[in-house]
C-alpha atoms as a PDB file:
ATOM      1  CA  MET A   1       1.415  13.035 -36.655  1.00  0.00           C
ATOM      2  CA  THR A   2       3.333  10.469 -38.636  1.00  0.00           C
ATOM      3  CA  MET A   3       5.816  11.005 -41.482  1.00  0.00           C
ATOM      4  CA  ASP A   4       3.254  10.015 -44.114  1.00  0.00           C
ATOM      5  CA  THR A   5       0.631  12.477 -42.982  1.00  0.00           C
ATOM      6  CA  ILE A   6      -0.419  14.632 -45.924  1.00  0.00           C
ATOM      7  CA  LEU A   7      -0.138  18.356 -45.155  1.00  0.00           C
ATOM      8  CA  PHE A   8      -1.278  19.852 -48.551  1.00  0.00           C
ATOM      9  CA  ASN A   9      -1.392  18.776 -52.215  1.00  0.00           C
ATOM     10  CA  GLY A  10       0.278  15.470 -51.602  1.00  0.00           C
ATOM     11  CA  ILE A  11       3.212  16.917 -49.643  1.00  0.00           C
ATOM     12  CA  THR A  12       3.874  14.738 -46.607  1.00  0.00           C
ATOM     13  CA  VAL A  13       5.597  15.541 -43.342  1.00  0.00           C
ATOM     14  CA  GLY A  14       8.441  13.187 -44.315  1.00  0.00           C
ATOM     15  CA  ARG A  15       9.101  15.156 -47.570  1.00  0.00           C
ATOM     16  CA  LEU A  16       8.829  18.552 -45.862  1.00  0.00           C
ATOM     17  CA  ILE A  17      11.233  17.991 -42.981  1.00  0.00           C
ATOM     18  CA  PRO A  18      14.437  17.676 -45.146  1.00  0.00           C
ATOM     19  CA  TRP A  19      13.473  20.901 -46.985  1.00  0.00           C
ATOM     20  CA  LEU A  20      12.922  22.767 -43.738  1.00  0.00           C
ATOM     21  CA  ALA A  21      16.223  21.465 -42.437  1.00  0.00           C
ATOM     22  CA  ALA A  22      18.027  22.560 -45.596  1.00  0.00           C
ATOM     23  CA  VAL A  23      16.542  26.078 -45.355  1.00  0.00           C
ATOM     24  CA  ALA A  24      17.640  26.294 -41.716  1.00  0.00           C
ATOM     25  CA  VAL A  25      21.186  25.289 -42.611  1.00  0.00           C
ATOM     26  CA  LEU A  26      21.347  27.731 -45.482  1.00  0.00           C
ATOM     27  CA  TYR A  27      20.053  30.528 -43.266  1.00  0.00           C
ATOM     28  CA  ALA A  28      22.590  29.698 -40.572  1.00  0.00           C
ATOM     29  CA  ALA A  29      25.402  29.528 -43.162  1.00  0.00           C
ATOM     30  CA  LEU A  30      24.404  32.914 -44.645  1.00  0.00           C
ATOM     31  CA  LYS A  31      24.347  34.499 -41.084  1.00  0.00           C
ATOM     32  CA  ILE A  32      27.835  33.183 -40.370  1.00  0.00           C
ATOM     33  CA  TYR A  33      29.121  34.369 -43.743  1.00  0.00           C
ATOM     34  CA  LYS A  34      27.665  37.827 -43.155  1.00  0.00           C
ATOM     35  CA  ALA A  35      29.136  38.034 -39.665  1.00  0.00           C
ATOM     36  CA  LEU A  36      32.607  37.055 -40.851  1.00  0.00           C
ATOM     37  CA  PHE A  37      32.961  38.710 -44.246  1.00  0.00           C
ATOM     38  CA  ALA A  38      30.407  41.522 -44.606  1.00  0.00           C
ATOM     39  CA  LYS A  39      32.036  44.938 -44.470  1.00  0.00           C
ATOM     40  CA  LYS A  40      30.955  46.943 -41.460  1.00  0.00           C
ATOM     41  CA  LYS A  41      29.716  50.480 -42.087  1.00  0.00           C
ATOM     42  CA  VAL A  42      31.856  52.988 -40.335  1.00  0.00           C
ATOM     43  CA  ASN A  43      30.004  55.793 -38.495  1.00  0.00           C
ATOM     44  CA  LEU A  44      31.917  58.914 -39.452  1.00  0.00           C
ATOM     45  CA  GLN A  45      30.160  61.138 -36.939  1.00  0.00           C
ATOM     46  CA  HIS A  46      33.008  60.932 -34.414  1.00  0.00           C
ATOM     47  CA  THR A  47      35.881  60.774 -36.847  1.00  0.00           C
ATOM     48  CA  VAL A  48      38.131  63.384 -38.472  1.00  0.00           C
ATOM     49  CA  TYR A  49      40.289  63.111 -41.600  1.00  0.00           C
ATOM     50  CA  PHE A  50      43.984  62.873 -40.664  1.00  0.00           C
ATOM     51  CA  VAL A  51      47.268  62.972 -42.564  1.00  0.00           C
ATOM     52  CA  CYS A  52      50.222  61.819 -40.580  1.00  0.00           C
ATOM     53  CA  SER A  53      53.207  64.087 -40.845  1.00  0.00           C
ATOM     54  CA  ASN A  54      55.539  61.314 -39.875  1.00  0.00           C
ATOM     55  CA  CYS A  55      54.648  58.391 -42.313  1.00  0.00           C
ATOM     56  CA  GLY A  56      52.142  60.087 -44.764  1.00  0.00           C
ATOM     57  CA  TRP A  57      49.232  57.830 -43.807  1.00  0.00           C
ATOM     58  CA  GLU A  58      45.908  59.387 -44.426  1.00  0.00           C
ATOM     59  CA  GLY A  59      42.380  58.372 -43.481  1.00  0.00           C
ATOM     60  CA  HIS A  60      39.688  58.772 -40.851  1.00  0.00           C
ATOM     61  CA  ILE A  61      40.559  58.328 -37.198  1.00  0.00           C
ATOM     62  CA  SER A  62      38.532  58.869 -34.104  1.00  0.00           C
ATOM     63  CA  LYS A  63      38.530  62.449 -32.994  1.00  0.00           C
ATOM     64  CA  PHE A  64      39.250  61.156 -29.542  1.00  0.00           C
ATOM     65  CA  GLY A  65      42.267  59.099 -30.842  1.00  0.00           C
ATOM     66  CA  THR A  66      45.734  60.655 -30.505  1.00  0.00           C
ATOM     67  CA  ARG A  67      47.962  58.318 -32.475  1.00  0.00           C
ATOM     68  CA  CYS A  68      48.532  57.390 -36.149  1.00  0.00           C
ATOM     69  CA  PRO A  69      47.283  53.829 -36.737  1.00  0.00           C
ATOM     70  CA  LYS A  70      50.281  52.980 -39.034  1.00  0.00           C
ATOM     71  CA  CYS A  71      53.385  54.368 -37.263  1.00  0.00           C
ATOM     72  CA  ASP A  72      51.867  55.187 -33.798  1.00  0.00           C
ATOM     73  CA  ALA A  73      53.140  58.814 -33.950  1.00  0.00           C
ATOM     74  CA  ALA A  74      51.267  61.470 -32.015  1.00  0.00           C
ATOM     75  CA  ALA A  75      48.363  62.835 -34.066  1.00  0.00           C
ATOM     76  CA  GLY A  76      48.781  66.357 -32.799  1.00  0.00           C
ATOM     77  CA  ASN A  77      45.986  68.903 -33.615  1.00  0.00           C
ATOM     78  CA  LEU A  78      43.167  66.763 -35.036  1.00  0.00           C
ATOM     79  CA  GLY A  79      40.999  69.716 -35.941  1.00  0.00           C
ATOM     80  CA  ALA A  80      43.465  71.067 -38.509  1.00  0.00           C
ATOM     81  CA  GLY A  81      42.920  68.346 -41.140  1.00  0.00           C
ATOM     82  CA  SER A  82      39.203  67.807 -40.735  1.00  0.00           C
ATOM     83  CA  GLU A  83      36.874  67.830 -43.763  1.00  0.00           C
END
């Protein structure tokens, strides 16, 4: 098959290859962008709401975690502040 072989309606292989390459590059760029910048969904199944008594930080932490992510203080009783 040469580059001037007509595939359909006057579209040749030579005219189709750059478009296919452009689509492949765009697809790869979107996949990289999504991997780097898309926000990951957090599974809240194994988390509890926590308010640190030391620094006041509040948010969800793993129910298996034992430390504040901001000040590294002991989390204490994680069941007390759960939603």
